[in-house]
Amino acid sequence: MVEDDVHLQQLLKEELHENGYEINTASNGKEALTILNLDNDQKPDLIILDIRMPKMDGLETMGNILKSKHDLPVIIHTAYASYKNDVMAMAADAYIIKSHDLSELKAAVHDLLGE
């Protein structure tokens, strides 16, 4: 999960952990790309990506993920509906507007992981 808000990061981590998922976090796109490019067995099965973050935003991060040919499903999870028609946002597997109701996010994670 790539999310700069530490409170939301913790909430999502707890909620998804309760559903049986192991969650690794990054606070911005640069940190996420560093983790993705490590040569280890800790590659994620899916990425939940915020858009507005410091150092590297989610759309730039998405572009780098596509260029690096990481074959991972990506869910854009943002408070901003206005980015939905951005070319990089359209490359994501799901675009979900942040809400106190996490059922849509949980359903997208479930569907994209084929569970």
PDB file of N, CA and C in Angstrom:
ATOM      1  N   MET A   1       0.840  -1.165   0.000  1.00  0.00           N
ATOM      2  CA  MET A   1       0.000   0.000   0.000  1.00  0.00           C
ATOM      3  C   MET A   1       0.891   1.235   0.000  1.00  0.00           C
ATOM      4  N   VAL A   2       0.578   2.170  -0.872  1.00  0.00           N
ATOM      5  CA  VAL A   2       1.330   3.419  -0.966  1.00  0.00           C
ATOM      6  C   VAL A   2       0.383   4.540  -0.551  1.00  0.00           C
ATOM      7  N   GLU A   3       0.606   5.049   0.658  1.00  0.00           N
ATOM      8  CA  GLU A   3      -0.289   6.044   1.259  1.00  0.00           C
ATOM      9  C   GLU A   3       0.524   6.920   2.196  1.00  0.00           C
ATOM     10  N   ASP A   4       0.413   8.240   2.044  1.00  0.00           N
ATOM     11  CA  ASP A   4       1.208   9.145   2.885  1.00  0.00           C
ATOM     12  C   ASP A   4       0.550   9.491   4.219  1.00  0.00           C
ATOM     13  N   ASP A   5      -0.747   9.315   4.342  1.00  0.00           N
ATOM     14  CA  ASP A   5      -1.443   9.605   5.595  1.00  0.00           C
ATOM     15  C   ASP A   5      -1.261   8.413   6.541  1.00  0.00           C
ATOM     16  N   VAL A   6      -0.467   8.596   7.583  1.00  0.00           N
ATOM     17  CA  VAL A   6      -0.134   7.479   8.474  1.00  0.00           C
ATOM     18  C   VAL A   6      -1.359   6.919   9.194  1.00  0.00           C
ATOM     19  N   HIS A   7      -2.343   7.758   9.497  1.00  0.00           N
ATOM     20  CA  HIS A   7      -3.549   7.273  10.171  1.00  0.00           C
ATOM     21  C   HIS A   7      -4.370   6.391   9.237  1.00  0.00           C
ATOM     22  N   LEU A   8      -4.529   6.827   8.000  1.00  0.00           N
ATOM     23  CA  LEU A   8      -5.255   6.023   7.022  1.00  0.00           C
ATOM     24  C   LEU A   8      -4.463   4.759   6.697  1.00  0.00           C
ATOM     25  N   GLN A   9      -3.164   4.887   6.604  1.00  0.00           N
ATOM     26  CA  GLN A   9      -2.296   3.735   6.354  1.00  0.00           C
ATOM     27  C   GLN A   9      -2.537   2.658   7.414  1.00  0.00           C
ATOM     28  N   GLN A  10      -2.569   3.074   8.674  1.00  0.00           N
ATOM     29  CA  GLN A  10      -2.778   2.128   9.782  1.00  0.00           C
ATOM     30  C   GLN A  10      -4.175   1.516   9.738  1.00  0.00           C
ATOM     31  N   LEU A  11      -5.189   2.344   9.480  1.00  0.00           N
ATOM     32  CA  LEU A  11      -6.562   1.848   9.395  1.00  0.00           C
ATOM     33  C   LEU A  11      -6.700   0.792   8.295  1.00  0.00           C
ATOM     34  N   LEU A  12      -6.212   1.124   7.105  1.00  0.00           N
ATOM     35  CA  LEU A  12      -6.318   0.185   5.986  1.00  0.00           C
ATOM     36  C   LEU A  12      -5.541  -1.091   6.267  1.00  0.00           C
ATOM     37  N   LYS A  13      -4.383  -0.940   6.851  1.00  0.00           N
ATOM     38  CA  LYS A  13      -3.558  -2.100   7.177  1.00  0.00           C
ATOM     39  C   LYS A  13      -4.308  -3.033   8.136  1.00  0.00           C
ATOM     40  N   GLU A  14      -4.908  -2.462   9.173  1.00  0.00           N
ATOM     41  CA  GLU A  14      -5.667  -3.266  10.142  1.00  0.00           C
ATOM     42  C   GLU A  14      -6.884  -3.928   9.491  1.00  0.00           C
ATOM     43  N   GLU A  15      -7.634  -3.147   8.711  1.00  0.00           N
ATOM     44  CA  GLU A  15      -8.843  -3.684   8.070  1.00  0.00           C
ATOM     45  C   GLU A  15      -8.513  -4.821   7.099  1.00  0.00           C
ATOM     46  N   LEU A  16      -7.490  -4.626   6.287  1.00  0.00           N
ATOM     47  CA  LEU A  16      -7.140  -5.656   5.313  1.00  0.00           C
ATOM     48  C   LEU A  16      -6.484  -6.862   5.991  1.00  0.00           C
ATOM     49  N   HIS A  17      -5.751  -6.622   7.060  1.00  0.00           N
ATOM     50  CA  HIS A  17      -5.156  -7.728   7.815  1.00  0.00           C
ATOM     51  C   HIS A  17      -6.253  -8.617   8.396  1.00  0.00           C
ATOM     52  N   GLU A  18      -7.341  -7.992   8.870  1.00  0.00           N
ATOM     53  CA  GLU A  18      -8.479  -8.753   9.397  1.00  0.00           C
ATOM     54  C   GLU A  18      -9.109  -9.649   8.333  1.00  0.00           C
ATOM     55  N   ASN A  19      -8.913  -9.279   7.064  1.00  0.00           N
ATOM     56  CA  ASN A  19      -9.424 -10.086   5.960  1.00  0.00           C
ATOM     57  C   ASN A  19      -8.383 -11.088   5.455  1.00  0.00           C
ATOM     58  N   GLY A  20      -7.289 -11.230   6.190  1.00  0.00           N
ATOM     59  CA  GLY A  20      -6.296 -12.247   5.861  1.00  0.00           C
ATOM     60  C   GLY A  20      -5.160 -11.792   4.977  1.00  0.00           C
ATOM     61  N   TYR A  21      -5.032 -10.497   4.728  1.00  0.00           N
ATOM     62  CA  TYR A  21      -3.976 -10.000   3.854  1.00  0.00           C
ATOM     63  C   TYR A  21      -2.781  -9.490   4.655  1.00  0.00           C
ATOM     64  N   GLU A  22      -1.603  -9.741   4.139  1.00  0.00           N
ATOM     65  CA  GLU A  22      -0.387  -9.177   4.713  1.00  0.00           C
ATOM     66  C   GLU A  22      -0.108  -7.884   3.962  1.00  0.00           C
ATOM     67  N   ILE A  23       0.070  -6.797   4.690  1.00  0.00           N
ATOM     68  CA  ILE A  23       0.197  -5.475   4.080  1.00  0.00           C
ATOM     69  C   ILE A  23       1.568  -4.884   4.368  1.00  0.00           C
ATOM     70  N   ASN A  24       2.252  -4.478   3.310  1.00  0.00           N
ATOM     71  CA  ASN A  24       3.483  -3.700   3.431  1.00  0.00           C
ATOM     72  C   ASN A  24       3.146  -2.285   2.988  1.00  0.00           C
ATOM     73  N   THR A  25       3.787  -1.301   3.607  1.00  0.00           N
ATOM     74  CA  THR A  25       3.437   0.078   3.300  1.00  0.00           C
ATOM     75  C   THR A  25       4.633   0.888   2.824  1.00  0.00           C
ATOM     76  N   ALA A  26       4.312   1.897   2.023  1.00  0.00           N
ATOM     77  CA  ALA A  26       5.268   2.914   1.589  1.00  0.00           C
ATOM     78  C   ALA A  26       4.541   4.245   1.715  1.00  0.00           C
ATOM     79  N   SER A  27       5.291   5.296   2.026  1.00  0.00           N
ATOM     80  CA  SER A  27       4.676   6.609   2.256  1.00  0.00           C
ATOM     81  C   SER A  27       4.659   7.505   1.033  1.00  0.00           C
ATOM     82  N   ASN A  28       5.313   7.086  -0.044  1.00  0.00           N
ATOM     83  CA  ASN A  28       5.312   7.864  -1.283  1.00  0.00           C
ATOM     84  C   ASN A  28       5.749   6.962  -2.433  1.00  0.00           C
ATOM     85  N   GLY A  29       5.643   7.480  -3.634  1.00  0.00           N
ATOM     86  CA  GLY A  29       5.967   6.689  -4.814  1.00  0.00           C
ATOM     87  C   GLY A  29       7.423   6.270  -4.899  1.00  0.00           C
ATOM     88  N   LYS A  30       8.335   7.149  -4.515  1.00  0.00           N
ATOM     89  CA  LYS A  30       9.759   6.799  -4.569  1.00  0.00           C
ATOM     90  C   LYS A  30      10.061   5.608  -3.670  1.00  0.00           C
ATOM     91  N   GLU A  31       9.510   5.645  -2.471  1.00  0.00           N
ATOM     92  CA  GLU A  31       9.714   4.541  -1.527  1.00  0.00           C
ATOM     93  C   GLU A  31       9.113   3.249  -2.089  1.00  0.00           C
ATOM     94  N   ALA A  32       7.935   3.339  -2.680  1.00  0.00           N
ATOM     95  CA  ALA A  32       7.279   2.162  -3.257  1.00  0.00           C
ATOM     96  C   ALA A  32       8.111   1.555  -4.383  1.00  0.00           C
ATOM     97  N   LEU A  33       8.641   2.400  -5.263  1.00  0.00           N
ATOM     98  CA  LEU A  33       9.448   1.888  -6.377  1.00  0.00           C
ATOM     99  C   LEU A  33      10.739   1.244  -5.887  1.00  0.00           C
ATOM    100  N   THR A  34      11.322   1.811  -4.837  1.00  0.00           N
ATOM    101  CA  THR A  34      12.519   1.204  -4.255  1.00  0.00           C
ATOM    102  C   THR A  34      12.200  -0.203  -3.769  1.00  0.00           C
ATOM    103  N   ILE A  35      11.079  -0.354  -3.083  1.00  0.00           N
ATOM    104  CA  ILE A  35      10.672  -1.669  -2.582  1.00  0.00           C
ATOM    105  C   ILE A  35      10.409  -2.625  -3.746  1.00  0.00           C
ATOM    106  N   LEU A  36       9.705  -2.148  -4.778  1.00  0.00           N
ATOM    107  CA  LEU A  36       9.390  -3.002  -5.931  1.00  0.00           C
ATOM    108  C   LEU A  36      10.642  -3.476  -6.666  1.00  0.00           C
ATOM    109  N   ASN A  37      11.663  -2.650  -6.688  1.00  0.00           N
ATOM    110  CA  ASN A  37      12.861  -2.976  -7.452  1.00  0.00           C
ATOM    111  C   ASN A  37      13.913  -3.747  -6.657  1.00  0.00           C
ATOM    112  N   LEU A  38      13.625  -4.045  -5.389  1.00  0.00           N
ATOM    113  CA  LEU A  38      14.550  -4.866  -4.617  1.00  0.00           C
ATOM    114  C   LEU A  38      14.558  -6.277  -5.191  1.00  0.00           C
ATOM    115  N   ASP A  39      15.705  -6.876  -5.187  1.00  0.00           N
ATOM    116  CA  ASP A  39      15.823  -8.236  -5.710  1.00  0.00           C
ATOM    117  C   ASP A  39      15.607  -9.224  -4.564  1.00  0.00           C
ATOM    118  N   ASN A  40      14.338  -9.432  -4.234  1.00  0.00           N
ATOM    119  CA  ASN A  40      14.021 -10.366  -3.159  1.00  0.00           C
ATOM    120  C   ASN A  40      12.676 -11.025  -3.430  1.00  0.00           C
ATOM    121  N   ASP A  41      12.257 -11.857  -2.510  1.00  0.00           N
ATOM    122  CA  ASP A  41      10.997 -12.583  -2.678  1.00  0.00           C
ATOM    123  C   ASP A  41       9.815 -11.876  -2.033  1.00  0.00           C
ATOM    124  N   GLN A  42       9.960 -10.605  -1.704  1.00  0.00           N
ATOM    125  CA  GLN A  42       8.918  -9.860  -1.014  1.00  0.00           C
ATOM    126  C   GLN A  42       8.042  -9.044  -1.969  1.00  0.00           C
ATOM    127  N   LYS A  43       7.975  -9.418  -3.217  1.00  0.00           N
ATOM    128  CA  LYS A  43       7.168  -8.668  -4.186  1.00  0.00           C
ATOM    129  C   LYS A  43       5.687  -8.753  -3.813  1.00  0.00           C
ATOM    130  N   PRO A  44       4.984  -7.649  -3.902  1.00  0.00           N
ATOM    131  CA  PRO A  44       3.552  -7.675  -3.565  1.00  0.00           C
ATOM    132  C   PRO A  44       2.734  -8.362  -4.657  1.00  0.00           C
ATOM    133  N   ASP A  45       1.553  -8.791  -4.286  1.00  0.00           N
ATOM    134  CA  ASP A  45       0.617  -9.380  -5.242  1.00  0.00           C
ATOM    135  C   ASP A  45      -0.283  -8.318  -5.855  1.00  0.00           C
ATOM    136  N   LEU A  46      -0.345  -7.147  -5.200  1.00  0.00           N
ATOM    137  CA  LEU A  46      -1.241  -6.076  -5.612  1.00  0.00           C
ATOM    138  C   LEU A  46      -0.740  -4.775  -4.984  1.00  0.00           C
ATOM    139  N   ILE A  47      -1.021  -3.651  -5.634  1.00  0.00           N
ATOM    140  CA  ILE A  47      -0.630  -2.341  -5.105  1.00  0.00           C
ATOM    141  C   ILE A  47      -1.874  -1.483  -4.933  1.00  0.00           C
ATOM    142  N   ILE A  48      -2.025  -0.900  -3.747  1.00  0.00           N
ATOM    143  CA  ILE A  48      -3.050   0.111  -3.490  1.00  0.00           C
ATOM    144  C   ILE A  48      -2.308   1.434  -3.469  1.00  0.00           C
ATOM    145  N   LEU A  49      -2.691   2.341  -4.364  1.00  0.00           N
ATOM    146  CA  LEU A  49      -1.895   3.530  -4.633  1.00  0.00           C
ATOM    147  C   LEU A  49      -2.696   4.813  -4.469  1.00  0.00           C
ATOM    148  N   ASP A  50      -2.249   5.668  -3.550  1.00  0.00           N
ATOM    149  CA  ASP A  50      -2.825   7.003  -3.396  1.00  0.00           C
ATOM    150  C   ASP A  50      -2.306   7.864  -4.549  1.00  0.00           C
ATOM    151  N   ILE A  51      -2.951   8.990  -4.828  1.00  0.00           N
ATOM    152  CA  ILE A  51      -2.471   9.872  -5.894  1.00  0.00           C
ATOM    153  C   ILE A  51      -1.655  11.033  -5.334  1.00  0.00           C
ATOM    154  N   ARG A  52      -2.217  11.792  -4.438  1.00  0.00           N
ATOM    155  CA  ARG A  52      -1.508  12.980  -3.929  1.00  0.00           C
ATOM    156  C   ARG A  52      -0.606  12.602  -2.764  1.00  0.00           C
ATOM    157  N   MET A  53       0.698  12.599  -3.046  1.00  0.00           N
ATOM    158  CA  MET A  53       1.708  12.261  -2.045  1.00  0.00           C
ATOM    159  C   MET A  53       2.953  13.104  -2.296  1.00  0.00           C
ATOM    160  N   PRO A  54       3.778  13.289  -1.269  1.00  0.00           N
ATOM    161  CA  PRO A  54       5.032  14.023  -1.461  1.00  0.00           C
ATOM    162  C   PRO A  54       6.059  13.172  -2.210  1.00  0.00           C
ATOM    163  N   LYS A  55       7.096  13.799  -2.696  1.00  0.00           N
ATOM    164  CA  LYS A  55       8.248  13.199  -3.376  1.00  0.00           C
ATOM    165  C   LYS A  55       7.905  12.634  -4.746  1.00  0.00           C
ATOM    166  N   MET A  56       6.905  11.763  -4.854  1.00  0.00           N
ATOM    167  CA  MET A  56       6.445  11.258  -6.149  1.00  0.00           C
ATOM    168  C   MET A  56       4.976  10.889  -6.000  1.00  0.00           C
ATOM    169  N   ASP A  57       4.134  11.525  -6.815  1.00  0.00           N
ATOM    170  CA  ASP A  57       2.708  11.255  -6.687  1.00  0.00           C
ATOM    171  C   ASP A  57       2.333   9.906  -7.302  1.00  0.00           C
ATOM    172  N   GLY A  58       1.094   9.525  -7.108  1.00  0.00           N
ATOM    173  CA  GLY A  58       0.638   8.224  -7.560  1.00  0.00           C
ATOM    174  C   GLY A  58       0.615   8.049  -9.064  1.00  0.00           C
ATOM    175  N   LEU A  59       0.316   9.116  -9.808  1.00  0.00           N
ATOM    176  CA  LEU A  59       0.275   8.988 -11.260  1.00  0.00           C
ATOM    177  C   LEU A  59       1.674   8.774 -11.834  1.00  0.00           C
ATOM    178  N   GLU A  60       2.656   9.504 -11.315  1.00  0.00           N
ATOM    179  CA  GLU A  60       4.040   9.288 -11.748  1.00  0.00           C
ATOM    180  C   GLU A  60       4.504   7.893 -11.341  1.00  0.00           C
ATOM    181  N   THR A  61       4.114   7.471 -10.161  1.00  0.00           N
ATOM    182  CA  THR A  61       4.457   6.124  -9.698  1.00  0.00           C
ATOM    183  C   THR A  61       3.841   5.077 -10.620  1.00  0.00           C
ATOM    184  N   MET A  62       2.596   5.278 -10.997  1.00  0.00           N
ATOM    185  CA  MET A  62       1.913   4.358 -11.915  1.00  0.00           C
ATOM    186  C   MET A  62       2.669   4.259 -13.230  1.00  0.00           C
ATOM    187  N   GLY A  63       3.102   5.395 -13.757  1.00  0.00           N
ATOM    188  CA  GLY A  63       3.880   5.390 -14.997  1.00  0.00           C
ATOM    189  C   GLY A  63       5.157   4.582 -14.861  1.00  0.00           C
ATOM    190  N   ASN A  64       5.837   4.725 -13.734  1.00  0.00           N
ATOM    191  CA  ASN A  64       7.065   3.970 -13.491  1.00  0.00           C
ATOM    192  C   ASN A  64       6.794   2.478 -13.335  1.00  0.00           C
ATOM    193  N   ILE A  65       5.683   2.137 -12.724  1.00  0.00           N
ATOM    194  CA  ILE A  65       5.314   0.726 -12.585  1.00  0.00           C
ATOM    195  C   ILE A  65       5.073   0.128 -13.968  1.00  0.00           C
ATOM    196  N   LEU A  66       4.369   0.861 -14.815  1.00  0.00           N
ATOM    197  CA  LEU A  66       4.103   0.370 -16.173  1.00  0.00           C
ATOM    198  C   LEU A  66       5.394   0.237 -16.981  1.00  0.00           C
ATOM    199  N   LYS A  67       6.278   1.229 -16.887  1.00  0.00           N
ATOM    200  CA  LYS A  67       7.548   1.187 -17.623  1.00  0.00           C
ATOM    201  C   LYS A  67       8.434   0.035 -17.171  1.00  0.00           C
ATOM    202  N   SER A  68       8.393  -0.266 -15.895  1.00  0.00           N
ATOM    203  CA  SER A  68       9.268  -1.309 -15.361  1.00  0.00           C
ATOM    204  C   SER A  68       8.709  -2.706 -15.596  1.00  0.00           C
ATOM    205  N   LYS A  69       7.528  -2.780 -16.192  1.00  0.00           N
ATOM    206  CA  LYS A  69       6.901  -4.043 -16.550  1.00  0.00           C
ATOM    207  C   LYS A  69       6.597  -4.942 -15.356  1.00  0.00           C
ATOM    208  N   HIS A  70       6.378  -4.329 -14.199  1.00  0.00           N
ATOM    209  CA  HIS A  70       5.906  -5.111 -13.056  1.00  0.00           C
ATOM    210  C   HIS A  70       4.468  -5.502 -13.372  1.00  0.00           C
ATOM    211  N   ASP A  71       4.212  -6.757 -13.449  1.00  0.00           N
ATOM    212  CA  ASP A  71       2.883  -7.242 -13.807  1.00  0.00           C
ATOM    213  C   ASP A  71       2.064  -7.436 -12.533  1.00  0.00           C
ATOM    214  N   LEU A  72       1.606  -6.312 -11.995  1.00  0.00           N
ATOM    215  CA  LEU A  72       0.862  -6.333 -10.746  1.00  0.00           C
ATOM    216  C   LEU A  72      -0.435  -5.560 -10.909  1.00  0.00           C
ATOM    217  N   PRO A  73      -1.521  -6.065 -10.336  1.00  0.00           N
ATOM    218  CA  PRO A  73      -2.734  -5.254 -10.343  1.00  0.00           C
ATOM    219  C   PRO A  73      -2.541  -4.026  -9.458  1.00  0.00           C
ATOM    220  N   VAL A  74      -3.112  -2.904  -9.894  1.00  0.00           N
ATOM    221  CA  VAL A  74      -3.005  -1.654  -9.147  1.00  0.00           C
ATOM    222  C   VAL A  74      -4.397  -1.086  -8.920  1.00  0.00           C
ATOM    223  N   ILE A  75      -4.665  -0.747  -7.660  1.00  0.00           N
ATOM    224  CA  ILE A  75      -5.900  -0.053  -7.299  1.00  0.00           C
ATOM    225  C   ILE A  75      -5.517   1.376  -6.927  1.00  0.00           C
ATOM    226  N   ILE A  76      -6.060   2.332  -7.633  1.00  0.00           N
ATOM    227  CA  ILE A  76      -5.871   3.723  -7.221  1.00  0.00           C
ATOM    228  C   ILE A  76      -6.936   4.012  -6.173  1.00  0.00           C
ATOM    229  N   HIS A  77      -6.484   4.477  -5.020  1.00  0.00           N
ATOM    230  CA  HIS A  77      -7.364   4.761  -3.877  1.00  0.00           C
ATOM    231  C   HIS A  77      -7.125   6.210  -3.490  1.00  0.00           C
ATOM    232  N   THR A  78      -8.028   7.083  -3.891  1.00  0.00           N
ATOM    233  CA  THR A  78      -7.811   8.520  -3.760  1.00  0.00           C
ATOM    234  C   THR A  78      -9.065   9.253  -3.305  1.00  0.00           C
ATOM    235  N   ALA A  79      -8.862  10.424  -2.780  1.00  0.00           N
ATOM    236  CA  ALA A  79      -9.984  11.282  -2.401  1.00  0.00           C
ATOM    237  C   ALA A  79     -10.470  12.123  -3.578  1.00  0.00           C
ATOM    238  N   TYR A  80      -9.795  12.031  -4.717  1.00  0.00           N
ATOM    239  CA  TYR A  80     -10.057  12.924  -5.850  1.00  0.00           C
ATOM    240  C   TYR A  80     -10.639  12.181  -7.045  1.00  0.00           C
ATOM    241  N   ALA A  81     -11.898  12.426  -7.333  1.00  0.00           N
ATOM    242  CA  ALA A  81     -12.546  11.829  -8.499  1.00  0.00           C
ATOM    243  C   ALA A  81     -12.040  12.444  -9.795  1.00  0.00           C
ATOM    244  N   SER A  82     -11.483  13.649  -9.715  1.00  0.00           N
ATOM    245  CA  SER A  82     -11.081  14.390 -10.911  1.00  0.00           C
ATOM    246  C   SER A  82      -9.950  13.743 -11.699  1.00  0.00           C
ATOM    247  N   TYR A  83      -9.209  12.833 -11.122  1.00  0.00           N
ATOM    248  CA  TYR A  83      -8.101  12.181 -11.832  1.00  0.00           C
ATOM    249  C   TYR A  83      -8.531  10.927 -12.599  1.00  0.00           C
ATOM    250  N   LYS A  84      -9.781  10.552 -12.462  1.00  0.00           N
ATOM    251  CA  LYS A  84     -10.238   9.276 -13.032  1.00  0.00           C
ATOM    252  C   LYS A  84     -10.001   9.157 -14.540  1.00  0.00           C
ATOM    253  N   ASN A  85     -10.060  10.260 -15.269  1.00  0.00           N
ATOM    254  CA  ASN A  85      -9.878  10.210 -16.720  1.00  0.00           C
ATOM    255  C   ASN A  85      -8.445  10.481 -17.164  1.00  0.00           C
ATOM    256  N   ASP A  86      -7.532  10.589 -16.223  1.00  0.00           N
ATOM    257  CA  ASP A  86      -6.116  10.728 -16.554  1.00  0.00           C
ATOM    258  C   ASP A  86      -5.632   9.403 -17.145  1.00  0.00           C
ATOM    259  N   VAL A  87      -4.796   9.483 -18.162  1.00  0.00           N
ATOM    260  CA  VAL A  87      -4.318   8.282 -18.852  1.00  0.00           C
ATOM    261  C   VAL A  87      -3.662   7.303 -17.877  1.00  0.00           C
ATOM    262  N   MET A  88      -2.853   7.800 -16.965  1.00  0.00           N
ATOM    263  CA  MET A  88      -2.196   6.917 -15.997  1.00  0.00           C
ATOM    264  C   MET A  88      -3.210   6.281 -15.060  1.00  0.00           C
ATOM    265  N   ALA A  89      -4.205   7.038 -14.645  1.00  0.00           N
ATOM    266  CA  ALA A  89      -5.239   6.491 -13.764  1.00  0.00           C
ATOM    267  C   ALA A  89      -6.048   5.414 -14.481  1.00  0.00           C
ATOM    268  N   MET A  90      -6.292   5.611 -15.768  1.00  0.00           N
ATOM    269  CA  MET A  90      -7.055   4.624 -16.533  1.00  0.00           C
ATOM    270  C   MET A  90      -6.283   3.315 -16.698  1.00  0.00           C
ATOM    271  N   ALA A  91      -4.971   3.346 -16.526  1.00  0.00           N
ATOM    272  CA  ALA A  91      -4.168   2.125 -16.626  1.00  0.00           C
ATOM    273  C   ALA A  91      -4.309   1.247 -15.383  1.00  0.00           C
ATOM    274  N   ALA A  92      -4.845   1.798 -14.313  1.00  0.00           N
ATOM    275  CA  ALA A  92      -5.036   1.024 -13.087  1.00  0.00           C
ATOM    276  C   ALA A  92      -6.163   0.012 -13.277  1.00  0.00           C
ATOM    277  N   ASP A  93      -6.137  -1.019 -12.477  1.00  0.00           N
ATOM    278  CA  ASP A  93      -7.161  -2.060 -12.557  1.00  0.00           C
ATOM    279  C   ASP A  93      -8.461  -1.645 -11.869  1.00  0.00           C
ATOM    280  N   ALA A  94      -8.362  -0.695 -10.939  1.00  0.00           N
ATOM    281  CA  ALA A  94      -9.549  -0.173 -10.257  1.00  0.00           C
ATOM    282  C   ALA A  94      -9.254   1.247  -9.786  1.00  0.00           C
ATOM    283  N   TYR A  95     -10.287   2.067  -9.734  1.00  0.00           N
ATOM    284  CA  TYR A  95     -10.179   3.453  -9.263  1.00  0.00           C
ATOM    285  C   TYR A  95     -11.253   3.626  -8.209  1.00  0.00           C
ATOM    286  N   ILE A  96     -10.834   3.797  -6.973  1.00  0.00           N
ATOM    287  CA  ILE A  96     -11.782   3.851  -5.864  1.00  0.00           C
ATOM    288  C   ILE A  96     -11.610   5.162  -5.105  1.00  0.00           C
ATOM    289  N   ILE A  97     -12.727   5.833  -4.879  1.00  0.00           N
ATOM    290  CA  ILE A  97     -12.725   7.074  -4.109  1.00  0.00           C
ATOM    291  C   ILE A  97     -12.717   6.703  -2.625  1.00  0.00           C
ATOM    292  N   LYS A  98     -11.814   7.338  -1.876  1.00  0.00           N
ATOM    293  CA  LYS A  98     -11.708   7.064  -0.445  1.00  0.00           C
ATOM    294  C   LYS A  98     -13.033   7.354   0.249  1.00  0.00           C
ATOM    295  N   SER A  99     -13.355   6.481   1.193  1.00  0.00           N
ATOM    296  CA  SER A  99     -14.606   6.586   1.934  1.00  0.00           C
ATOM    297  C   SER A  99     -14.422   5.925   3.291  1.00  0.00           C
ATOM    298  N   HIS A 100     -15.278   6.291   4.242  1.00  0.00           N
ATOM    299  CA  HIS A 100     -15.247   5.606   5.538  1.00  0.00           C
ATOM    300  C   HIS A 100     -15.722   4.162   5.394  1.00  0.00           C
ATOM    301  N   ASP A 101     -16.476   3.879   4.331  1.00  0.00           N
ATOM    302  CA  ASP A 101     -16.930   2.519   4.035  1.00  0.00           C
ATOM    303  C   ASP A 101     -15.879   1.854   3.144  1.00  0.00           C
ATOM    304  N   LEU A 102     -15.172   0.887   3.677  1.00  0.00           N
ATOM    305  CA  LEU A 102     -14.071   0.251   2.944  1.00  0.00           C
ATOM    306  C   LEU A 102     -14.508  -0.965   2.133  1.00  0.00           C
ATOM    307  N   SER A 103     -15.808  -1.209   2.040  1.00  0.00           N
ATOM    308  CA  SER A 103     -16.282  -2.413   1.355  1.00  0.00           C
ATOM    309  C   SER A 103     -15.906  -2.427  -0.128  1.00  0.00           C
ATOM    310  N   GLU A 104     -15.936  -1.280  -0.795  1.00  0.00           N
ATOM    311  CA  GLU A 104     -15.574  -1.251  -2.221  1.00  0.00           C
ATOM    312  C   GLU A 104     -14.088  -1.568  -2.410  1.00  0.00           C
ATOM    313  N   LEU A 105     -13.251  -1.020  -1.561  1.00  0.00           N
ATOM    314  CA  LEU A 105     -11.822  -1.309  -1.635  1.00  0.00           C
ATOM    315  C   LEU A 105     -11.557  -2.785  -1.352  1.00  0.00           C
ATOM    316  N   LYS A 106     -12.175  -3.304  -0.314  1.00  0.00           N
ATOM    317  CA  LYS A 106     -11.991  -4.714   0.035  1.00  0.00           C
ATOM    318  C   LYS A 106     -12.464  -5.628  -1.090  1.00  0.00           C
ATOM    319  N   ALA A 107     -13.575  -5.285  -1.716  1.00  0.00           N
ATOM    320  CA  ALA A 107     -14.106  -6.098  -2.816  1.00  0.00           C
ATOM    321  C   ALA A 107     -13.149  -6.069  -4.005  1.00  0.00           C
ATOM    322  N   ALA A 108     -12.575  -4.905  -4.291  1.00  0.00           N
ATOM    323  CA  ALA A 108     -11.621  -4.801  -5.411  1.00  0.00           C
ATOM    324  C   ALA A 108     -10.374  -5.628  -5.138  1.00  0.00           C
ATOM    325  N   VAL A 109      -9.868  -5.578  -3.919  1.00  0.00           N
ATOM    326  CA  VAL A 109      -8.698  -6.383  -3.551  1.00  0.00           C
ATOM    327  C   VAL A 109      -9.036  -7.859  -3.745  1.00  0.00           C
ATOM    328  N   HIS A 110     -10.158  -8.267  -3.219  1.00  0.00           N
ATOM    329  CA  HIS A 110     -10.603  -9.662  -3.323  1.00  0.00           C
ATOM    330  C   HIS A 110     -10.712 -10.092  -4.790  1.00  0.00           C
ATOM    331  N   ASP A 111     -11.378  -9.287  -5.599  1.00  0.00           N
ATOM    332  CA  ASP A 111     -11.573  -9.621  -7.010  1.00  0.00           C
ATOM    333  C   ASP A 111     -10.269  -9.688  -7.788  1.00  0.00           C
ATOM    334  N   LEU A 112      -9.384  -8.720  -7.562  1.00  0.00           N
ATOM    335  CA  LEU A 112      -8.136  -8.675  -8.320  1.00  0.00           C
ATOM    336  C   LEU A 112      -7.158  -9.766  -7.921  1.00  0.00           C
ATOM    337  N   LEU A 113      -7.275 -10.254  -6.709  1.00  0.00           N
ATOM    338  CA  LEU A 113      -6.411 -11.362  -6.286  1.00  0.00           C
ATOM    339  C   LEU A 113      -7.039 -12.716  -6.598  1.00  0.00           C
ATOM    340  N   GLY A 114      -8.247 -12.684  -7.185  1.00  0.00           N
ATOM    341  CA  GLY A 114      -8.888 -13.915  -7.619  1.00  0.00           C
ATOM    342  C   GLY A 114      -9.281 -14.829  -6.488  1.00  0.00           C
ATOM    343  N   GLU A 115      -9.742 -14.252  -5.422  1.00  0.00           N
ATOM    344  CA  GLU A 115     -10.113 -15.079  -4.248  1.00  0.00           C
ATOM    345  C   GLU A 115     -11.604 -15.228  -4.130  1.00  0.00           C
TER     346      GLU A 115
END
